[in-house]
């Protein structure tokens, strides 16, 4: 059964609450999250990545839209990143996340995303891929 908008809203709520156990109920065991030139593969790697990242940055998702498709859906969100601790490019590179942007301690950045969620026949997410764009420059 495919995920619906109400399911996605529960997913966003769990993400904002840092309820990783609830989030993992939406995923296959071997799901892949592709983001910023790197991939996180599987539930253990997902928990490890977000435990690391959320130590340095508070991430809050603001729902804007849900667009169902034949193989999954697209979530339209604005994510606010708030720097909690300084994170260096060297630390990111050592962890294999060199494509990520740095958010310095005390900084607040809002980024608009379209996120593609591919789901299997049981309605579990098996692949997540995000697209982000920069606003038009004056």
N, C-alpha and C. Protein backbone atom coordinates (compact mmCIF):
# COMPACT_ATOMS: atom_id res chain seq x y z
N UNK A 1 0.85 -1.19 0.00
CA UNK A 1 0.00 0.00 0.00
C UNK A 1 0.89 1.24 0.00
N UNK A 2 0.71 2.16 -0.94
CA UNK A 2 1.57 3.36 -1.01
C UNK A 2 1.32 4.28 0.17
N UNK A 3 2.34 5.08 0.45
CA UNK A 3 2.21 6.08 1.50
C UNK A 3 1.34 7.22 1.01
N UNK A 4 0.56 7.79 1.91
CA UNK A 4 -0.30 8.92 1.57
C UNK A 4 0.20 10.17 2.29
N UNK A 5 -0.45 11.28 2.05
CA UNK A 5 -0.02 12.54 2.67
C UNK A 5 -0.05 12.47 4.19
N UNK A 6 -1.07 11.83 4.75
CA UNK A 6 -1.15 11.71 6.22
C UNK A 6 0.04 10.92 6.76
N UNK A 7 0.45 9.88 6.04
CA UNK A 7 1.64 9.11 6.45
C UNK A 7 2.88 10.01 6.42
N UNK A 8 3.01 10.79 5.35
CA UNK A 8 4.17 11.66 5.22
C UNK A 8 4.20 12.72 6.32
N UNK A 9 3.05 13.23 6.68
CA UNK A 9 3.00 14.20 7.78
C UNK A 9 3.45 13.56 9.09
N UNK A 10 3.11 12.29 9.31
CA UNK A 10 3.60 11.57 10.50
C UNK A 10 5.13 11.39 10.41
N UNK A 11 5.62 11.13 9.22
CA UNK A 11 7.06 10.99 8.99
C UNK A 11 7.78 12.30 9.33
N UNK A 12 7.26 13.42 8.83
CA UNK A 12 7.86 14.73 9.10
C UNK A 12 7.83 15.03 10.60
N UNK A 13 6.72 14.72 11.24
CA UNK A 13 6.60 14.95 12.69
C UNK A 13 7.65 14.12 13.44
N UNK A 14 7.83 12.86 13.06
CA UNK A 14 8.83 12.00 13.70
C UNK A 14 10.24 12.55 13.46
N UNK A 15 10.49 13.03 12.24
CA UNK A 15 11.81 13.60 11.94
C UNK A 15 12.08 14.81 12.82
N UNK A 16 11.13 15.71 12.89
CA UNK A 16 11.31 16.93 13.69
C UNK A 16 11.48 16.61 15.18
N UNK A 17 10.90 15.50 15.64
CA UNK A 17 11.02 15.08 17.04
C UNK A 17 12.28 14.26 17.29
N UNK A 18 13.06 13.99 16.23
CA UNK A 18 14.26 13.14 16.31
C UNK A 18 13.90 11.74 16.79
N UNK A 19 12.71 11.27 16.41
CA UNK A 19 12.24 9.94 16.79
C UNK A 19 12.67 8.96 15.69
N UNK A 20 13.94 8.56 15.76
CA UNK A 20 14.52 7.72 14.72
C UNK A 20 13.85 6.35 14.66
N UNK A 21 13.43 5.81 15.79
CA UNK A 21 12.75 4.51 15.80
C UNK A 21 11.45 4.60 14.99
N UNK A 22 10.70 5.67 15.16
CA UNK A 22 9.45 5.84 14.39
C UNK A 22 9.78 6.04 12.91
N UNK A 23 10.81 6.81 12.61
CA UNK A 23 11.20 7.04 11.21
C UNK A 23 11.55 5.73 10.52
N UNK A 24 12.27 4.87 11.22
CA UNK A 24 12.71 3.62 10.61
C UNK A 24 11.57 2.69 10.25
N UNK A 25 10.39 2.89 10.83
CA UNK A 25 9.25 2.05 10.45
C UNK A 25 8.78 2.35 9.04
N UNK A 26 9.21 3.48 8.48
CA UNK A 26 8.85 3.85 7.11
C UNK A 26 9.82 3.26 6.08
N UNK A 27 10.96 2.71 6.52
CA UNK A 27 12.04 2.30 5.62
C UNK A 27 12.16 0.79 5.48
N UNK A 28 12.64 0.35 4.30
CA UNK A 28 13.13 -1.01 4.17
C UNK A 28 14.45 -1.09 4.94
N UNK A 29 14.89 -2.28 5.28
CA UNK A 29 16.14 -2.43 6.03
C UNK A 29 17.34 -1.90 5.26
N UNK A 30 17.29 -2.02 3.94
CA UNK A 30 18.44 -1.64 3.10
C UNK A 30 18.20 -0.36 2.31
N UNK A 31 17.34 0.52 2.81
CA UNK A 31 17.04 1.75 2.07
C UNK A 31 18.30 2.59 1.89
N UNK A 32 18.25 3.49 0.92
CA UNK A 32 19.38 4.37 0.61
C UNK A 32 18.91 5.81 0.64
N UNK A 33 19.67 6.65 1.32
CA UNK A 33 19.45 8.10 1.33
C UNK A 33 20.61 8.72 0.58
N UNK A 34 20.33 9.35 -0.57
CA UNK A 34 21.36 10.06 -1.34
C UNK A 34 21.20 11.54 -1.08
N UNK A 35 22.33 12.18 -0.75
CA UNK A 35 22.27 13.61 -0.44
C UNK A 35 23.66 14.21 -0.58
N UNK A 36 23.75 15.33 -1.22
CA UNK A 36 24.98 16.14 -1.26
C UNK A 36 26.21 15.34 -1.67
N UNK A 37 26.06 14.43 -2.61
CA UNK A 37 27.20 13.71 -3.14
C UNK A 37 27.64 12.50 -2.34
N UNK A 38 26.87 12.08 -1.36
CA UNK A 38 27.19 10.87 -0.60
C UNK A 38 25.91 10.07 -0.40
N UNK A 39 26.05 8.83 0.06
CA UNK A 39 24.89 7.99 0.30
C UNK A 39 24.99 7.37 1.69
N UNK A 40 23.84 7.26 2.35
CA UNK A 40 23.70 6.55 3.62
C UNK A 40 22.89 5.31 3.29
N UNK A 41 23.43 4.13 3.63
CA UNK A 41 22.79 2.87 3.25
C UNK A 41 22.38 2.07 4.47
N UNK A 42 21.08 1.89 4.64
CA UNK A 42 20.55 1.07 5.72
C UNK A 42 20.24 1.84 6.98
N UNK A 43 19.42 1.19 7.83
CA UNK A 43 18.97 1.83 9.06
C UNK A 43 20.11 2.15 10.04
N UNK A 44 21.08 1.24 10.26
CA UNK A 44 22.16 1.59 11.19
C UNK A 44 22.96 2.81 10.72
N UNK A 45 23.25 2.89 9.43
CA UNK A 45 23.99 4.04 8.90
C UNK A 45 23.16 5.32 9.00
N UNK A 46 21.84 5.20 8.82
CA UNK A 46 20.94 6.33 8.96
C UNK A 46 21.03 6.91 10.37
N UNK A 47 20.90 6.03 11.37
CA UNK A 47 20.98 6.48 12.76
C UNK A 47 22.34 7.11 13.06
N UNK A 48 23.40 6.48 12.57
CA UNK A 48 24.76 6.99 12.81
C UNK A 48 24.93 8.38 12.18
N UNK A 49 24.47 8.53 10.94
CA UNK A 49 24.60 9.81 10.26
C UNK A 49 23.86 10.91 11.01
N UNK A 50 22.59 10.67 11.35
CA UNK A 50 21.81 11.73 11.99
C UNK A 50 22.24 11.98 13.43
N UNK A 51 22.72 10.97 14.14
CA UNK A 51 23.26 11.20 15.47
C UNK A 51 24.45 12.16 15.38
N UNK A 52 25.29 11.94 14.38
CA UNK A 52 26.44 12.82 14.13
C UNK A 52 25.97 14.22 13.71
N UNK A 53 25.16 14.30 12.66
CA UNK A 53 24.78 15.59 12.10
C UNK A 53 23.98 16.43 13.08
N UNK A 54 23.04 15.82 13.79
CA UNK A 54 22.20 16.58 14.71
C UNK A 54 22.93 17.00 15.98
N UNK A 55 24.13 16.50 16.18
CA UNK A 55 24.97 17.01 17.25
C UNK A 55 25.47 18.42 16.90
N UNK A 56 25.63 18.69 15.61
CA UNK A 56 26.16 19.96 15.13
C UNK A 56 25.09 20.93 14.61
N UNK A 57 23.94 20.37 14.23
CA UNK A 57 22.96 21.19 13.54
C UNK A 57 21.54 20.74 13.88
N UNK A 58 20.70 21.68 14.28
CA UNK A 58 19.26 21.39 14.46
C UNK A 58 18.62 21.53 13.09
N UNK A 59 17.83 20.55 12.73
CA UNK A 59 17.21 20.49 11.41
C UNK A 59 15.71 20.37 11.61
N UNK A 60 14.95 21.33 11.08
CA UNK A 60 13.51 21.33 11.24
C UNK A 60 12.87 21.38 9.86
N UNK A 61 11.96 20.44 9.61
CA UNK A 61 11.30 20.32 8.31
C UNK A 61 9.93 20.99 8.38
N UNK A 62 9.66 21.86 7.40
CA UNK A 62 8.37 22.53 7.26
C UNK A 62 7.71 21.99 6.00
N UNK A 63 6.61 21.27 6.16
CA UNK A 63 5.89 20.65 5.05
C UNK A 63 5.26 21.70 4.15
N UNK A 64 5.42 21.52 2.84
CA UNK A 64 4.79 22.42 1.86
C UNK A 64 3.89 21.68 0.88
N UNK A 65 4.20 20.40 0.60
CA UNK A 65 3.36 19.69 -0.36
C UNK A 65 3.73 18.22 -0.47
N UNK A 66 2.78 17.44 -0.97
CA UNK A 66 2.93 15.99 -1.16
C UNK A 66 2.41 15.66 -2.55
N UNK A 67 3.25 15.02 -3.36
CA UNK A 67 2.89 14.76 -4.74
C UNK A 67 3.09 13.28 -5.04
N UNK A 68 2.00 12.49 -5.04
CA UNK A 68 2.12 11.05 -5.28
C UNK A 68 2.45 10.75 -6.73
N UNK A 69 3.13 9.63 -6.93
CA UNK A 69 3.48 9.17 -8.28
C UNK A 69 3.31 7.67 -8.38
N UNK A 70 3.76 7.10 -9.48
CA UNK A 70 3.58 5.67 -9.71
C UNK A 70 4.58 4.81 -8.93
N UNK A 71 5.76 5.34 -8.61
CA UNK A 71 6.78 4.56 -7.90
C UNK A 71 7.07 5.09 -6.51
N UNK A 72 6.33 6.10 -6.09
CA UNK A 72 6.56 6.71 -4.79
C UNK A 72 5.90 8.07 -4.74
N UNK A 73 6.61 9.03 -4.19
CA UNK A 73 6.05 10.38 -4.06
C UNK A 73 7.18 11.38 -3.93
N UNK A 74 6.82 12.65 -4.07
CA UNK A 74 7.75 13.76 -3.85
C UNK A 74 7.21 14.58 -2.70
N UNK A 75 8.08 14.89 -1.75
CA UNK A 75 7.75 15.79 -0.67
C UNK A 75 8.38 17.14 -0.94
N UNK A 76 7.59 18.19 -0.83
CA UNK A 76 8.09 19.56 -0.99
C UNK A 76 8.20 20.12 0.43
N UNK A 77 9.41 20.47 0.83
CA UNK A 77 9.64 20.95 2.19
C UNK A 77 10.62 22.11 2.18
N UNK A 78 10.57 22.88 3.25
CA UNK A 78 11.61 23.85 3.54
C UNK A 78 12.26 23.37 4.83
N UNK A 79 13.57 23.20 4.79
CA UNK A 79 14.30 22.73 5.96
C UNK A 79 15.11 23.89 6.53
N UNK A 80 14.94 24.12 7.81
CA UNK A 80 15.70 25.13 8.51
C UNK A 80 16.84 24.44 9.24
N UNK A 81 18.05 24.88 8.96
CA UNK A 81 19.26 24.35 9.60
C UNK A 81 19.77 25.42 10.56
N UNK A 82 19.98 25.04 11.83
CA UNK A 82 20.50 25.96 12.83
C UNK A 82 21.78 25.37 13.41
N UNK A 83 22.88 26.09 13.26
CA UNK A 83 24.17 25.61 13.75
C UNK A 83 24.23 25.59 15.27
N UNK A 84 24.52 24.42 15.83
CA UNK A 84 24.63 24.26 17.28
C UNK A 84 26.09 24.29 17.74
N UNK A 85 26.96 23.69 16.91
CA UNK A 85 28.40 23.65 17.17
C UNK A 85 29.10 23.83 15.84
N UNK A 86 30.29 24.39 15.88
CA UNK A 86 31.04 24.54 14.64
C UNK A 86 31.46 23.17 14.12
N UNK A 87 31.33 23.00 12.82
CA UNK A 87 31.67 21.75 12.14
C UNK A 87 32.63 22.10 11.01
N UNK A 88 33.78 21.44 10.99
CA UNK A 88 34.78 21.76 9.98
C UNK A 88 34.64 20.88 8.75
N UNK A 89 35.18 21.38 7.64
CA UNK A 89 35.20 20.61 6.41
C UNK A 89 36.04 19.34 6.60
N UNK A 90 37.07 19.43 7.41
CA UNK A 90 37.93 18.26 7.67
C UNK A 90 37.16 17.15 8.36
N UNK A 91 36.32 17.50 9.32
CA UNK A 91 35.51 16.48 10.01
C UNK A 91 34.51 15.86 9.03
N UNK A 92 33.89 16.68 8.20
CA UNK A 92 32.96 16.15 7.20
C UNK A 92 33.67 15.20 6.25
N UNK A 93 34.83 15.58 5.77
CA UNK A 93 35.58 14.74 4.85
C UNK A 93 36.00 13.43 5.50
N UNK A 94 36.42 13.48 6.76
CA UNK A 94 36.83 12.27 7.48
C UNK A 94 35.67 11.30 7.64
N UNK A 95 34.46 11.82 7.75
CA UNK A 95 33.26 11.00 7.90
C UNK A 95 32.67 10.55 6.56
N UNK A 96 33.21 11.09 5.45
CA UNK A 96 32.70 10.74 4.13
C UNK A 96 31.54 11.60 3.67
N UNK A 97 31.37 12.77 4.27
CA UNK A 97 30.25 13.66 3.95
C UNK A 97 30.73 14.99 3.37
N UNK A 98 31.76 14.95 2.56
CA UNK A 98 32.40 16.18 2.10
C UNK A 98 31.50 17.07 1.25
N UNK A 99 30.41 16.56 0.68
CA UNK A 99 29.52 17.37 -0.14
C UNK A 99 28.57 18.25 0.64
N UNK A 100 28.51 18.06 1.95
CA UNK A 100 27.58 18.84 2.77
C UNK A 100 28.05 20.27 2.93
N UNK A 101 27.09 21.17 3.07
CA UNK A 101 27.41 22.57 3.36
C UNK A 101 27.54 22.76 4.86
N UNK A 102 28.43 23.63 5.25
CA UNK A 102 28.63 23.92 6.67
C UNK A 102 27.62 24.96 7.13
N UNK A 103 27.09 24.78 8.33
CA UNK A 103 26.23 25.77 8.98
C UNK A 103 26.94 26.13 10.28
N UNK A 104 27.56 27.31 10.33
CA UNK A 104 28.32 27.69 11.52
C UNK A 104 27.44 27.82 12.77
N UNK A 105 28.05 27.64 13.92
CA UNK A 105 27.35 27.81 15.19
C UNK A 105 26.66 29.17 15.22
N UNK A 106 25.38 29.17 15.57
CA UNK A 106 24.60 30.41 15.65
C UNK A 106 23.94 30.83 14.36
N UNK A 107 24.33 30.23 13.24
CA UNK A 107 23.72 30.58 11.95
C UNK A 107 22.41 29.84 11.75
N UNK A 108 21.54 30.43 10.95
CA UNK A 108 20.24 29.83 10.63
C UNK A 108 20.04 29.96 9.12
N UNK A 109 19.79 28.83 8.46
CA UNK A 109 19.66 28.82 7.01
C UNK A 109 18.40 28.03 6.64
N UNK A 110 17.57 28.62 5.77
CA UNK A 110 16.38 27.92 5.25
C UNK A 110 16.67 27.49 3.82
N UNK A 111 16.37 26.21 3.52
CA UNK A 111 16.62 25.67 2.19
C UNK A 111 15.37 24.93 1.72
N UNK A 112 14.96 25.22 0.49
CA UNK A 112 13.79 24.57 -0.09
C UNK A 112 14.23 23.31 -0.84
N UNK A 113 13.52 22.20 -0.61
CA UNK A 113 13.84 20.91 -1.20
C UNK A 113 12.63 20.29 -1.87
N UNK A 114 12.88 19.53 -2.92
CA UNK A 114 11.96 18.53 -3.43
C UNK A 114 12.66 17.20 -3.17
N UNK A 115 12.01 16.32 -2.44
CA UNK A 115 12.64 15.05 -2.06
C UNK A 115 11.84 13.91 -2.68
N UNK A 116 12.54 13.09 -3.47
CA UNK A 116 11.93 11.94 -4.11
C UNK A 116 12.05 10.74 -3.19
N UNK A 117 10.91 10.12 -2.88
CA UNK A 117 10.86 8.92 -2.07
C UNK A 117 10.34 7.80 -2.95
N UNK A 118 11.17 6.79 -3.19
CA UNK A 118 10.73 5.62 -3.93
C UNK A 118 10.31 4.56 -2.92
N UNK A 119 9.17 3.93 -3.17
CA UNK A 119 8.64 2.94 -2.23
C UNK A 119 8.50 1.58 -2.90
N UNK A 120 8.54 0.51 -2.08
CA UNK A 120 8.34 -0.83 -2.61
C UNK A 120 6.85 -1.19 -2.60
N UNK A 121 6.52 -2.40 -2.99
CA UNK A 121 5.12 -2.83 -3.09
C UNK A 121 4.40 -2.79 -1.74
N UNK A 122 5.16 -2.92 -0.65
CA UNK A 122 4.57 -2.88 0.69
C UNK A 122 4.40 -1.44 1.19
N UNK A 123 4.83 -0.47 0.40
CA UNK A 123 4.70 0.94 0.80
C UNK A 123 5.83 1.43 1.67
N UNK A 124 6.93 0.67 1.76
CA UNK A 124 8.09 1.11 2.54
C UNK A 124 9.07 1.85 1.64
N UNK A 125 9.68 2.88 2.18
CA UNK A 125 10.64 3.68 1.43
C UNK A 125 11.93 2.89 1.26
N UNK A 126 12.39 2.78 0.00
CA UNK A 126 13.64 2.09 -0.24
C UNK A 126 14.71 3.00 -0.83
N UNK A 127 14.32 4.23 -1.23
CA UNK A 127 15.31 5.16 -1.78
C UNK A 127 14.81 6.59 -1.58
N UNK A 128 15.71 7.43 -1.09
CA UNK A 128 15.41 8.85 -0.89
C UNK A 128 16.48 9.65 -1.62
N UNK A 129 16.03 10.62 -2.41
CA UNK A 129 16.97 11.45 -3.16
C UNK A 129 16.43 12.88 -3.14
N UNK A 130 17.26 13.82 -2.70
CA UNK A 130 16.81 15.19 -2.59
C UNK A 130 17.30 16.08 -3.71
N UNK A 131 16.50 17.08 -4.06
CA UNK A 131 16.88 18.11 -5.02
C UNK A 131 16.69 19.45 -4.32
N UNK A 132 17.68 20.29 -4.44
CA UNK A 132 17.62 21.61 -3.82
C UNK A 132 18.03 22.63 -4.87
N UNK A 133 17.52 23.81 -4.76
CA UNK A 133 17.91 24.84 -5.71
C UNK A 133 18.14 26.14 -4.96
N UNK A 134 18.92 27.00 -5.58
CA UNK A 134 19.17 28.32 -5.03
C UNK A 134 18.14 29.29 -5.59
N UNK A 135 17.70 30.23 -4.78
CA UNK A 135 16.77 31.23 -5.29
C UNK A 135 17.39 32.07 -6.39
N UNK A 136 16.56 32.66 -7.21
CA UNK A 136 17.03 33.55 -8.26
C UNK A 136 17.81 34.70 -7.61
N UNK A 137 18.90 35.05 -8.24
CA UNK A 137 19.73 36.17 -7.72
C UNK A 137 19.31 37.46 -8.41
N UNK A 138 19.16 38.53 -7.65
CA UNK A 138 18.76 39.82 -8.26
C UNK A 138 19.84 40.38 -9.14
